[in-house]
PDB file of N, CA and C in Angstrom:
ATOM      1  N   PRO A   1       0.789  -1.196  -0.154  1.00  0.00           N
ATOM      2  CA  PRO A   1      -0.028  -0.056   0.206  1.00  0.00           C
ATOM      3  C   PRO A   1       0.933   1.155  -0.151  1.00  0.00           C
ATOM      4  N   ASP A   2       0.100   2.387  -0.273  1.00  0.00           N
ATOM      5  CA  ASP A   2       1.148   3.406  -0.257  1.00  0.00           C
ATOM      6  C   ASP A   2       0.864   4.095   0.975  1.00  0.00           C
ATOM      7  N   LEU A   3       2.077   5.301   1.144  1.00  0.00           N
ATOM      8  CA  LEU A   3       2.112   5.780   2.565  1.00  0.00           C
ATOM      9  C   LEU A   3       2.263   7.094   2.617  1.00  0.00           C
ATOM     10  N   THR A   4       1.254   7.783   3.139  1.00  0.00           N
ATOM     11  CA  THR A   4       0.824   9.325   3.073  1.00  0.00           C
ATOM     12  C   THR A   4       0.930   9.421   4.292  1.00  0.00           C
ATOM     13  N   GLY A   5       1.522  10.809   4.639  1.00  0.00           N
ATOM     14  CA  GLY A   5       1.449  11.546   5.751  1.00  0.00           C
ATOM     15  C   GLY A   5       2.312  12.729   6.073  1.00  0.00           C
ATOM     16  N   HIS A   6       2.127  13.342   7.248  1.00  0.00           N
ATOM     17  CA  HIS A   6       2.788  14.583   7.373  1.00  0.00           C
ATOM     18  C   HIS A   6       3.637  14.677   8.437  1.00  0.00           C
ATOM     19  N   GLU A   7       4.901  15.605   8.804  1.00  0.00           N
ATOM     20  CA  GLU A   7       5.576  15.568   9.771  1.00  0.00           C
ATOM     21  C   GLU A   7       5.994  16.960  10.124  1.00  0.00           C
ATOM     22  N   LYS A   8       5.809  17.300  11.297  1.00  0.00           N
ATOM     23  CA  LYS A   8       6.624  18.675  11.644  1.00  0.00           C
ATOM     24  C   LYS A   8       7.937  18.615  11.887  1.00  0.00           C
ATOM     25  N   PHE A   9       8.433  19.787  11.274  1.00  0.00           N
ATOM     26  CA  PHE A   9       9.940  19.742  11.515  1.00  0.00           C
ATOM     27  C   PHE A   9      10.130  21.213  11.422  1.00  0.00           C
ATOM     28  N   GLY A  10      10.689  21.815  12.275  1.00  0.00           N
ATOM     29  CA  GLY A  10      11.072  23.144  12.468  1.00  0.00           C
ATOM     30  C   GLY A  10      10.285  24.106  12.292  1.00  0.00           C
ATOM     31  N   LEU A  11      10.309  24.912  11.192  1.00  0.00           N
ATOM     32  CA  LEU A  11       9.100  25.845  10.487  1.00  0.00           C
ATOM     33  C   LEU A  11       8.260  25.344  10.311  1.00  0.00           C
ATOM     34  N   GLY A  12       7.585  24.140   9.889  1.00  0.00           N
ATOM     35  CA  GLY A  12       6.547  23.949   9.158  1.00  0.00           C
ATOM     36  C   GLY A  12       6.387  22.363   9.235  1.00  0.00           C
ATOM     37  N   ASN A  13       5.471  21.905   8.475  1.00  0.00           N
ATOM     38  CA  ASN A  13       5.003  20.598   8.182  1.00  0.00           C
ATOM     39  C   ASN A  13       5.234  19.961   6.916  1.00  0.00           C
ATOM     40  N   VAL A  14       6.001  19.108   6.419  1.00  0.00           N
ATOM     41  CA  VAL A  14       6.407  18.362   5.473  1.00  0.00           C
ATOM     42  C   VAL A  14       5.496  17.352   4.937  1.00  0.00           C
ATOM     43  N   LYS A  15       4.642  17.351   4.018  1.00  0.00           N
ATOM     44  CA  LYS A  15       3.728  16.422   3.518  1.00  0.00           C
ATOM     45  C   LYS A  15       4.515  15.361   2.517  1.00  0.00           C
ATOM     46  N   TYR A  16       4.085  14.275   2.765  1.00  0.00           N
ATOM     47  CA  TYR A  16       5.152  13.259   1.946  1.00  0.00           C
ATOM     48  C   TYR A  16       3.949  12.110   1.284  1.00  0.00           C
ATOM     49  N   ASN A  17       4.189  11.559   0.310  1.00  0.00           N
ATOM     50  CA  ASN A  17       3.528  10.562  -0.202  1.00  0.00           C
ATOM     51  C   ASN A  17       4.912   9.382  -0.917  1.00  0.00           C
ATOM     52  N   ILE A  18       4.601   8.078  -0.378  1.00  0.00           N
ATOM     53  CA  ILE A  18       5.511   7.070  -1.221  1.00  0.00           C
ATOM     54  C   ILE A  18       4.455   6.127  -1.754  1.00  0.00           C
ATOM     55  N   SER A  19       4.913   5.922  -3.108  1.00  0.00           N
ATOM     56  CA  SER A  19       3.508   4.906  -4.011  1.00  0.00           C
ATOM     57  C   SER A  19       4.301   4.121  -4.805  1.00  0.00           C
ATOM     58  N   GLY A  20       4.137   3.121  -5.452  1.00  0.00           N
ATOM     59  CA  GLY A  20       4.133   2.171  -6.234  1.00  0.00           C
ATOM     60  C   GLY A  20       5.673   1.436  -5.621  1.00  0.00           C
ATOM     61  N   ILE A  21       5.365   0.831  -4.341  1.00  0.00           N
ATOM     62  CA  ILE A  21       6.398   0.273  -3.780  1.00  0.00           C
ATOM     63  C   ILE A  21       6.313  -1.113  -4.551  1.00  0.00           C
ATOM     64  N   HIS A  22       7.781  -1.488  -4.876  1.00  0.00           N
ATOM     65  CA  HIS A  22       7.805  -2.937  -5.564  1.00  0.00           C
ATOM     66  C   HIS A  22       9.415  -3.570  -5.038  1.00  0.00           C
ATOM     67  N   VAL A  23       8.920  -4.653  -4.560  1.00  0.00           N
ATOM     68  CA  VAL A  23      10.240  -5.669  -4.206  1.00  0.00           C
ATOM     69  C   VAL A  23      10.999  -5.918  -5.360  1.00  0.00           C
ATOM     70  N   THR A  24      11.751  -5.592  -5.473  1.00  0.00           N
ATOM     71  CA  THR A  24      12.682  -5.939  -6.685  1.00  0.00           C
ATOM     72  C   THR A  24      13.835  -7.338  -6.750  1.00  0.00           C
ATOM     73  N   ALA A  25      14.218  -7.755  -5.550  1.00  0.00           N
ATOM     74  CA  ALA A  25      15.261  -8.365  -5.295  1.00  0.00           C
ATOM     75  C   ALA A  25      14.966  -9.061  -3.662  1.00  0.00           C
ATOM     76  N   VAL A  26      15.370 -10.209  -3.582  1.00  0.00           N
ATOM     77  CA  VAL A  26      15.329 -10.687  -2.168  1.00  0.00           C
ATOM     78  C   VAL A  26      16.338 -12.026  -2.205  1.00  0.00           C
ATOM     79  N   GLU A  27      17.203 -12.021  -1.521  1.00  0.00           N
ATOM     80  CA  GLU A  27      18.309 -13.033  -1.156  1.00  0.00           C
ATOM     81  C   GLU A  27      18.233 -13.410   0.254  1.00  0.00           C
ATOM     82  N   LEU A  28      17.944 -14.827   0.427  1.00  0.00           N
ATOM     83  CA  LEU A  28      18.088 -15.505   1.629  1.00  0.00           C
ATOM     84  C   LEU A  28      19.454 -16.527   1.585  1.00  0.00           C
ATOM     85  N   PRO A  29      20.424 -16.203   1.689  1.00  0.00           N
ATOM     86  CA  PRO A  29      21.798 -16.932   1.423  1.00  0.00           C
ATOM     87  C   PRO A  29      21.778 -17.944   2.875  1.00  0.00           C
ATOM     88  N   SER A  30      21.017 -17.864   3.542  1.00  0.00           N
ATOM     89  CA  SER A  30      21.046 -18.505   4.735  1.00  0.00           C
ATOM     90  C   SER A  30      19.672 -18.872   5.554  1.00  0.00           C
ATOM     91  N   ALA A  31      19.080 -19.812   5.264  1.00  0.00           N
ATOM     92  CA  ALA A  31      17.905 -20.097   5.798  1.00  0.00           C
ATOM     93  C   ALA A  31      17.514 -21.439   6.342  1.00  0.00           C
ATOM     94  N   SER A  32      16.847 -21.817   7.906  1.00  0.00           N
ATOM     95  CA  SER A  32      16.747 -23.126   8.337  1.00  0.00           C
ATOM     96  C   SER A  32      15.519 -22.916   8.925  1.00  0.00           C
ATOM     97  N   ILE A  33      14.916 -24.234   8.623  1.00  0.00           N
ATOM     98  CA  ILE A  33      13.785 -24.495   9.536  1.00  0.00           C
ATOM     99  C   ILE A  33      13.846 -25.679  10.294  1.00  0.00           C
ATOM    100  N   SER A  34      13.602 -25.731  11.307  1.00  0.00           N
ATOM    101  CA  SER A  34      13.516 -26.881  12.609  1.00  0.00           C
ATOM    102  C   SER A  34      12.484 -26.919  13.426  1.00  0.00           C
ATOM    103  N   LEU A  35      12.151 -28.098  13.739  1.00  0.00           N
ATOM    104  CA  LEU A  35      11.163 -28.602  14.457  1.00  0.00           C
ATOM    105  C   LEU A  35      11.199 -28.303  16.178  1.00  0.00           C
ATOM    106  N   LEU A  36      10.376 -28.056  16.716  1.00  0.00           N
ATOM    107  CA  LEU A  36      10.727 -28.045  18.167  1.00  0.00           C
ATOM    108  C   LEU A  36       9.932 -28.874  19.094  1.00  0.00           C
ATOM    109  N   ALA A  37      10.442 -29.253  20.044  1.00  0.00           N
ATOM    110  CA  ALA A  37       9.431 -30.295  20.873  1.00  0.00           C
ATOM    111  C   ALA A  37       8.583 -29.612  21.349  1.00  0.00           C
ATOM    112  N   GLY A  38       7.254 -30.356  21.615  1.00  0.00           N
ATOM    113  CA  GLY A  38       5.757 -29.647  21.943  1.00  0.00           C
ATOM    114  C   GLY A  38       5.231 -28.905  21.030  1.00  0.00           C
ATOM    115  N   SER A  39       5.526 -29.107  19.650  1.00  0.00           N
ATOM    116  CA  SER A  39       4.352 -28.775  18.564  1.00  0.00           C
ATOM    117  C   SER A  39       5.065 -27.551  17.896  1.00  0.00           C
ATOM    118  N   GLY A  40       6.052 -27.143  17.651  1.00  0.00           N
ATOM    119  CA  GLY A  40       6.687 -25.761  17.246  1.00  0.00           C
ATOM    120  C   GLY A  40       7.553 -25.913  16.309  1.00  0.00           C
ATOM    121  N   ILE A  41       7.512 -24.465  15.618  1.00  0.00           N
ATOM    122  CA  ILE A  41       8.491 -24.674  14.382  1.00  0.00           C
ATOM    123  C   ILE A  41       9.187 -23.500  14.245  1.00  0.00           C
ATOM    124  N   LYS A  42      10.661 -23.368  14.151  1.00  0.00           N
ATOM    125  CA  LYS A  42      11.546 -22.337  14.173  1.00  0.00           C
ATOM    126  C   LYS A  42      12.019 -22.196  12.685  1.00  0.00           C
ATOM    127  N   LEU A  43      11.922 -20.862  12.556  1.00  0.00           N
ATOM    128  CA  LEU A  43      12.449 -20.513  10.894  1.00  0.00           C
ATOM    129  C   LEU A  43      13.828 -19.676  11.719  1.00  0.00           C
ATOM    130  N   VAL A  44      14.798 -19.480  11.027  1.00  0.00           N
ATOM    131  CA  VAL A  44      16.146 -18.812  11.222  1.00  0.00           C
ATOM    132  C   VAL A  44      16.458 -18.272   9.631  1.00  0.00           C
ATOM    133  N   ILE A  45      16.437 -17.102   9.529  1.00  0.00           N
ATOM    134  CA  ILE A  45      17.234 -16.378   8.195  1.00  0.00           C
ATOM    135  C   ILE A  45      18.355 -15.587   8.446  1.00  0.00           C
ATOM    136  N   GLY A  46      19.213 -15.662   7.938  1.00  0.00           N
ATOM    137  CA  GLY A  46      20.675 -15.213   8.388  1.00  0.00           C
ATOM    138  C   GLY A  46      21.200 -14.293   7.173  1.00  0.00           C
ATOM    139  N   ASN A  47      21.572 -13.000   7.357  1.00  0.00           N
ATOM    140  CA  ASN A  47      22.281 -12.277   6.435  1.00  0.00           C
ATOM    141  C   ASN A  47      21.476 -12.144   5.185  1.00  0.00           C
ATOM    142  N   ALA A  48      20.118 -12.083   5.097  1.00  0.00           N
ATOM    143  CA  ALA A  48      19.694 -11.676   4.077  1.00  0.00           C
ATOM    144  C   ALA A  48      19.500 -10.060   3.408  1.00  0.00           C
ATOM    145  N   SER A  49      18.743 -10.036   2.195  1.00  0.00           N
ATOM    146  CA  SER A  49      19.164  -8.552   1.988  1.00  0.00           C
ATOM    147  C   SER A  49      17.494  -8.577   0.975  1.00  0.00           C
ATOM    148  N   LEU A  50      17.313  -7.117   0.903  1.00  0.00           N
ATOM    149  CA  LEU A  50      15.943  -6.961   0.005  1.00  0.00           C
ATOM    150  C   LEU A  50      16.370  -5.413  -0.676  1.00  0.00           C
ATOM    151  N   THR A  51      15.831  -5.476  -1.756  1.00  0.00           N
ATOM    152  CA  THR A  51      15.642  -4.264  -2.336  1.00  0.00           C
ATOM    153  C   THR A  51      14.533  -3.827  -2.820  1.00  0.00           C
ATOM    154  N   ILE A  52      14.343  -2.601  -2.691  1.00  0.00           N
ATOM    155  CA  ILE A  52      12.845  -2.304  -2.868  1.00  0.00           C
ATOM    156  C   ILE A  52      13.069  -0.579  -3.758  1.00  0.00           C
ATOM    157  N   ASP A  53      11.887  -0.661  -5.016  1.00  0.00           N
ATOM    158  CA  ASP A  53      12.199   0.676  -5.505  1.00  0.00           C
ATOM    159  C   ASP A  53      10.572   1.438  -5.275  1.00  0.00           C
ATOM    160  N   MET A  54      10.503   2.514  -5.243  1.00  0.00           N
ATOM    161  CA  MET A  54       9.560   3.091  -5.332  1.00  0.00           C
ATOM    162  C   MET A  54       9.262   4.454  -5.687  1.00  0.00           C
ATOM    163  N   ASN A  55       8.180   5.292  -5.634  1.00  0.00           N
ATOM    164  CA  ASN A  55       7.751   6.638  -6.408  1.00  0.00           C
ATOM    165  C   ASN A  55       8.003   7.445  -4.690  1.00  0.00           C
ATOM    166  N   TRP A  56       8.078   8.761  -4.943  1.00  0.00           N
ATOM    167  CA  TRP A  56       8.174   9.822  -3.698  1.00  0.00           C
ATOM    168  C   TRP A  56       7.843  11.059  -3.907  1.00  0.00           C
ATOM    169  N   ASN A  57       7.406  11.617  -3.133  1.00  0.00           N
ATOM    170  CA  ASN A  57       6.691  13.233  -3.563  1.00  0.00           C
ATOM    171  C   ASN A  57       7.112  13.729  -1.811  1.00  0.00           C
ATOM    172  N   ILE A  58       7.442  15.001  -1.860  1.00  0.00           N
ATOM    173  CA  ILE A  58       7.371  15.594  -0.595  1.00  0.00           C
ATOM    174  C   ILE A  58       6.829  17.171  -0.983  1.00  0.00           C
ATOM    175  N   ARG A  59       6.371  17.810   0.090  1.00  0.00           N
ATOM    176  CA  ARG A  59       5.776  19.275  -0.402  1.00  0.00           C
ATOM    177  C   ARG A  59       6.012  19.958   1.180  1.00  0.00           C
ATOM    178  N   THR A  60       6.606  21.540   1.202  1.00  0.00           N
ATOM    179  CA  THR A  60       6.526  21.900   2.320  1.00  0.00           C
ATOM    180  C   THR A  60       6.150  23.309   1.845  1.00  0.00           C
ATOM    181  N   TRP A  61       6.278  24.150   2.559  1.00  0.00           N
ATOM    182  CA  TRP A  61       5.828  25.670   2.491  1.00  0.00           C
ATOM    183  C   TRP A  61       6.766  26.104   1.491  1.00  0.00           C
ATOM    184  N   MET A  62       7.711  25.810   1.506  1.00  0.00           N
ATOM    185  CA  MET A  62       8.829  26.315   0.555  1.00  0.00           C
ATOM    186  C   MET A  62       9.361  25.569  -0.958  1.00  0.00           C
ATOM    187  N   PHE A  63       9.103  24.520  -1.065  1.00  0.00           N
ATOM    188  CA  PHE A  63       9.653  23.423  -2.022  1.00  0.00           C
ATOM    189  C   PHE A  63       8.793  22.248  -2.114  1.00  0.00           C
ATOM    190  N   LYS A  64       8.683  21.710  -3.145  1.00  0.00           N
ATOM    191  CA  LYS A  64       8.149  20.414  -3.410  1.00  0.00           C
ATOM    192  C   LYS A  64       8.890  19.599  -4.456  1.00  0.00           C
ATOM    193  N   ASP A  65       9.040  18.524  -4.353  1.00  0.00           N
ATOM    194  CA  ASP A  65       9.711  17.538  -5.009  1.00  0.00           C
ATOM    195  C   ASP A  65       9.234  16.022  -5.197  1.00  0.00           C
ATOM    196  N   SER A  66       9.909  15.683  -6.235  1.00  0.00           N
ATOM    197  CA  SER A  66       8.989  14.040  -6.504  1.00  0.00           C
ATOM    198  C   SER A  66      10.405  13.433  -7.052  1.00  0.00           C
ATOM    199  N   GLY A  67      10.310  12.103  -7.109  1.00  0.00           N
ATOM    200  CA  GLY A  67      11.060  11.065  -7.924  1.00  0.00           C
ATOM    201  C   GLY A  67      11.202   9.828  -7.411  1.00  0.00           C
ATOM    202  N   ARG A  68      12.045   8.834  -7.838  1.00  0.00           N
ATOM    203  CA  ARG A  68      12.263   7.502  -7.816  1.00  0.00           C
ATOM    204  C   ARG A  68      13.447   7.366  -6.760  1.00  0.00           C
ATOM    205  N   SER A  69      13.101   6.119  -5.860  1.00  0.00           N
ATOM    206  CA  SER A  69      14.275   5.854  -4.866  1.00  0.00           C
ATOM    207  C   SER A  69      14.062   4.551  -4.985  1.00  0.00           C
ATOM    208  N   THR A  70      15.389   3.806  -4.533  1.00  0.00           N
ATOM    209  CA  THR A  70      15.765   2.735  -4.545  1.00  0.00           C
ATOM    210  C   THR A  70      16.429   2.167  -3.079  1.00  0.00           C
ATOM    211  N   VAL A  71      15.910   1.312  -2.155  1.00  0.00           N
ATOM    212  CA  VAL A  71      16.253   1.147  -0.989  1.00  0.00           C
ATOM    213  C   VAL A  71      16.669  -0.506  -0.725  1.00  0.00           C
ATOM    214  N   HIS A  72      18.104  -0.444  -0.611  1.00  0.00           N
ATOM    215  CA  HIS A  72      18.827  -1.590  -0.303  1.00  0.00           C
ATOM    216  C   HIS A  72      19.024  -2.131   1.176  1.00  0.00           C
ATOM    217  N   ILE A  73      18.107  -3.080   1.930  1.00  0.00           N
ATOM    218  CA  ILE A  73      18.552  -3.052   3.245  1.00  0.00           C
ATOM    219  C   ILE A  73      19.004  -4.637   3.289  1.00  0.00           C
ATOM    220  N   SER A  74      20.295  -4.771   3.842  1.00  0.00           N
ATOM    221  CA  SER A  74      21.231  -5.834   3.956  1.00  0.00           C
ATOM    222  C   SER A  74      21.791  -6.224   5.300  1.00  0.00           C
ATOM    223  N   LYS A  75      22.251  -7.422   5.546  1.00  0.00           N
ATOM    224  CA  LYS A  75      22.451  -8.104   7.099  1.00  0.00           C
ATOM    225  C   LYS A  75      21.129  -7.948   7.730  1.00  0.00           C
ATOM    226  N   VAL A  76      20.214  -8.659   6.907  1.00  0.00           N
ATOM    227  CA  VAL A  76      19.024  -8.962   7.829  1.00  0.00           C
ATOM    228  C   VAL A  76      18.752 -10.141   8.538  1.00  0.00           C
ATOM    229  N   PHE A  77      18.596 -10.333   9.834  1.00  0.00           N
ATOM    230  CA  PHE A  77      18.542 -11.692  10.304  1.00  0.00           C
ATOM    231  C   PHE A  77      17.032 -11.694  11.291  1.00  0.00           C
ATOM    232  N   VAL A  78      16.483 -12.708  11.016  1.00  0.00           N
ATOM    233  CA  VAL A  78      15.097 -13.036  11.144  1.00  0.00           C
ATOM    234  C   VAL A  78      15.221 -14.356  12.299  1.00  0.00           C
ATOM    235  N   THR A  79      14.370 -14.488  13.413  1.00  0.00           N
ATOM    236  CA  THR A  79      14.115 -15.551  14.031  1.00  0.00           C
ATOM    237  C   THR A  79      12.772 -15.580  14.269  1.00  0.00           C
ATOM    238  N   ALA A  80      12.176 -16.551  13.912  1.00  0.00           N
ATOM    239  CA  ALA A  80      10.548 -16.942  14.170  1.00  0.00           C
ATOM    240  C   ALA A  80      10.055 -18.027  14.900  1.00  0.00           C
ATOM    241  N   ILE A  81       9.354 -17.876  15.695  1.00  0.00           N
ATOM    242  CA  ILE A  81       8.862 -19.301  16.242  1.00  0.00           C
ATOM    243  C   ILE A  81       7.071 -19.154  16.199  1.00  0.00           C
ATOM    244  N   PHE A  82       6.837 -20.506  15.586  1.00  0.00           N
ATOM    245  CA  PHE A  82       5.463 -20.538  15.266  1.00  0.00           C
ATOM    246  C   PHE A  82       4.886 -21.759  16.201  1.00  0.00           C
ATOM    247  N   SER A  83       3.775 -21.771  16.776  1.00  0.00           N
ATOM    248  CA  SER A  83       3.040 -22.538  17.215  1.00  0.00           C
ATOM    249  C   SER A  83       2.195 -23.279  16.445  1.00  0.00           C
ATOM    250  N   THR A  84       2.233 -25.079  16.628  1.00  0.00           N
ATOM    251  CA  THR A  84       1.288 -25.694  15.473  1.00  0.00           C
ATOM    252  C   THR A  84       0.906 -26.829  16.536  1.00  0.00           C
ATOM    253  N   PRO A  85      -0.402 -26.563  17.145  1.00  0.00           N
ATOM    254  CA  PRO A  85      -1.154 -27.419  17.719  1.00  0.00           C
ATOM    255  C   PRO A  85      -1.354 -28.507  17.254  1.00  0.00           C
ATOM    256  N   LEU A  86      -0.966 -29.650  18.107  1.00  0.00           N
ATOM    257  CA  LEU A  86      -1.127 -31.013  17.548  1.00  0.00           C
ATOM    258  C   LEU A  86      -2.435 -32.067  18.228  1.00  0.00           C
ATOM    259  N   ASP A  87      -3.680 -31.237  18.478  1.00  0.00           N
ATOM    260  CA  ASP A  87      -4.484 -32.008  19.081  1.00  0.00           C
ATOM    261  C   ASP A  87      -5.323 -32.688  18.432  1.00  0.00           C
ATOM    262  N   ASN A  88      -5.563 -32.366  17.028  1.00  0.00           N
ATOM    263  CA  ASN A  88      -6.551 -33.059  16.442  1.00  0.00           C
ATOM    264  C   ASN A  88      -7.674 -32.872  16.651  1.00  0.00           C
ATOM    265  N   THR A  89      -8.379 -31.758  17.144  1.00  0.00           N
ATOM    266  CA  THR A  89      -9.573 -31.143  17.797  1.00  0.00           C
ATOM    267  C   THR A  89     -10.237 -30.404  16.487  1.00  0.00           C
ATOM    268  N   GLY A  90      -9.548 -30.051  15.680  1.00  0.00           N
ATOM    269  CA  GLY A  90     -10.013 -29.107  14.595  1.00  0.00           C
ATOM    270  C   GLY A  90      -9.312 -28.928  13.319  1.00  0.00           C
ATOM    271  N   PRO A  91      -9.818 -27.839  12.572  1.00  0.00           N
ATOM    272  CA  PRO A  91      -8.625 -27.480  11.370  1.00  0.00           C
ATOM    273  C   PRO A  91      -7.531 -27.240  11.881  1.00  0.00           C
ATOM    274  N   GLU A  92      -6.668 -27.432  10.987  1.00  0.00           N
ATOM    275  CA  GLU A  92      -4.897 -27.250  11.131  1.00  0.00           C
ATOM    276  C   GLU A  92      -4.786 -25.522  11.106  1.00  0.00           C
ATOM    277  N   SER A  93      -3.827 -25.536  12.149  1.00  0.00           N
ATOM    278  CA  SER A  93      -3.556 -23.770  12.289  1.00  0.00           C
ATOM    279  C   SER A  93      -2.408 -23.656  12.863  1.00  0.00           C
ATOM    280  N   ILE A  94      -1.976 -22.652  12.547  1.00  0.00           N
ATOM    281  CA  ILE A  94      -0.095 -22.233  13.163  1.00  0.00           C
ATOM    282  C   ILE A  94      -0.518 -20.842  13.360  1.00  0.00           C
ATOM    283  N   SER A  95      -0.172 -20.448  14.317  1.00  0.00           N
ATOM    284  CA  SER A  95       0.428 -18.919  14.633  1.00  0.00           C
ATOM    285  C   SER A  95       1.725 -18.763  15.238  1.00  0.00           C
ATOM    286  N   LEU A  96       2.054 -17.280  15.048  1.00  0.00           N
ATOM    287  CA  LEU A  96       3.279 -16.682  15.191  1.00  0.00           C
ATOM    288  C   LEU A  96       3.359 -16.181  16.669  1.00  0.00           C
ATOM    289  N   THR A  97       4.271 -16.940  17.364  1.00  0.00           N
ATOM    290  CA  THR A  97       4.409 -16.967  18.842  1.00  0.00           C
ATOM    291  C   THR A  97       5.530 -15.673  19.287  1.00  0.00           C
ATOM    292  N   SER A  98       6.754 -15.746  18.201  1.00  0.00           N
ATOM    293  CA  SER A  98       7.516 -14.738  18.316  1.00  0.00           C
ATOM    294  C   SER A  98       8.371 -14.525  17.115  1.00  0.00           C
ATOM    295  N   CYS A  99       8.702 -13.066  17.248  1.00  0.00           N
ATOM    296  CA  CYS A  99       9.734 -12.623  16.151  1.00  0.00           C
ATOM    297  C   CYS A  99      10.578 -11.723  16.367  1.00  0.00           C
ATOM    298  N   ARG A 100      12.034 -11.944  16.091  1.00  0.00           N
ATOM    299  CA  ARG A 100      12.693 -10.958  16.358  1.00  0.00           C
ATOM    300  C   ARG A 100      13.519 -10.665  15.085  1.00  0.00           C
ATOM    301  N   THR A 101      13.827  -9.599  14.421  1.00  0.00           N
ATOM    302  CA  THR A 101      14.238  -8.978  13.213  1.00  0.00           C
ATOM    303  C   THR A 101      15.448  -7.995  13.579  1.00  0.00           C
ATOM    304  N   THR A 102      16.528  -7.940  12.709  1.00  0.00           N
ATOM    305  CA  THR A 102      17.226  -6.746  13.024  1.00  0.00           C
ATOM    306  C   THR A 102      17.912  -6.861  11.521  1.00  0.00           C
ATOM    307  N   SER A 103      18.431  -5.215  11.107  1.00  0.00           N
ATOM    308  CA  SER A 103      19.237  -5.208   9.999  1.00  0.00           C
ATOM    309  C   SER A 103      20.230  -4.433  10.238  1.00  0.00           C
ATOM    310  N   GLY A 104      21.607  -4.556   9.429  1.00  0.00           N
ATOM    311  CA  GLY A 104      22.434  -4.105   9.778  1.00  0.00           C
ATOM    312  C   GLY A 104      22.882  -2.817   8.854  1.00  0.00           C
ATOM    313  N   ASP A 105      22.580  -3.102   7.646  1.00  0.00           N
ATOM    314  CA  ASP A 105      23.044  -1.496   6.608  1.00  0.00           C
ATOM    315  C   ASP A 105      21.367  -1.129   6.032  1.00  0.00           C
ATOM    316  N   ILE A 106      21.739   0.066   5.560  1.00  0.00           N
ATOM    317  CA  ILE A 106      20.190   0.531   4.980  1.00  0.00           C
ATOM    318  C   ILE A 106      20.526   1.483   3.895  1.00  0.00           C
ATOM    319  N   ASP A 107      20.916   1.156   2.555  1.00  0.00           N
ATOM    320  CA  ASP A 107      21.123   2.489   1.487  1.00  0.00           C
ATOM    321  C   ASP A 107      20.145   2.901   1.008  1.00  0.00           C
ATOM    322  N   ILE A 108      19.893   4.217   0.933  1.00  0.00           N
ATOM    323  CA  ILE A 108      18.735   4.853   0.078  1.00  0.00           C
ATOM    324  C   ILE A 108      19.236   5.711  -1.033  1.00  0.00           C
ATOM    325  N   LYS A 109      18.796   5.559  -1.790  1.00  0.00           N
ATOM    326  CA  LYS A 109      19.383   6.226  -3.210  1.00  0.00           C
ATOM    327  C   LYS A 109      17.953   7.041  -3.632  1.00  0.00           C
ATOM    328  N   LEU A 110      18.059   8.318  -3.680  1.00  0.00           N
ATOM    329  CA  LEU A 110      17.026   8.876  -3.852  1.00  0.00           C
ATOM    330  C   LEU A 110      17.362  10.025  -5.498  1.00  0.00           C
ATOM    331  N   ASN A 111      16.377   9.873  -6.493  1.00  0.00           N
ATOM    332  CA  ASN A 111      16.610  10.456  -7.382  1.00  0.00           C
ATOM    333  C   ASN A 111      15.237  11.244  -7.766  1.00  0.00           C
ATOM    334  N   GLY A 112      15.416  12.464  -7.933  1.00  0.00           N
ATOM    335  CA  GLY A 112      14.535  13.595  -8.056  1.00  0.00           C
ATOM    336  C   GLY A 112      15.063  15.255  -8.559  1.00  0.00           C
ATOM    337  N   LYS A 113      14.129  15.822  -8.680  1.00  0.00           N
ATOM    338  CA  LYS A 113      14.236  16.941  -9.691  1.00  0.00           C
ATOM    339  C   LYS A 113      15.187  18.037  -9.325  1.00  0.00           C
ATOM    340  N   SER A 114      15.489  18.143  -7.863  1.00  0.00           N
ATOM    341  CA  SER A 114      16.071  19.074  -7.392  1.00  0.00           C
ATOM    342  C   SER A 114      17.511  18.527  -7.132  1.00  0.00           C
TER     343      SER A 114
END
């Protein structure tokens, strides 16, 4: 979905809109899934990266600008625990019990008119 909003900075408001968000690359060089005793699943993703392209525009009382942006996020680590009840009393289900994510580097390239 598009992101629209405003933030107050110093002398006024900055209105922004981010649209056309597309994930253009995902790399998962290290990923594993393991079963946990007592009906759980652990997912571990290490050193992943993600590239996203998007359109952006900003407007203040002084100026406005718009353009394209590429965001590259690297050194992403994710650990997620899912619970999977095995009581056979109803339809199969899975729920996220915990999730921890960290990222190391974020590189943002803005291309605009100004």
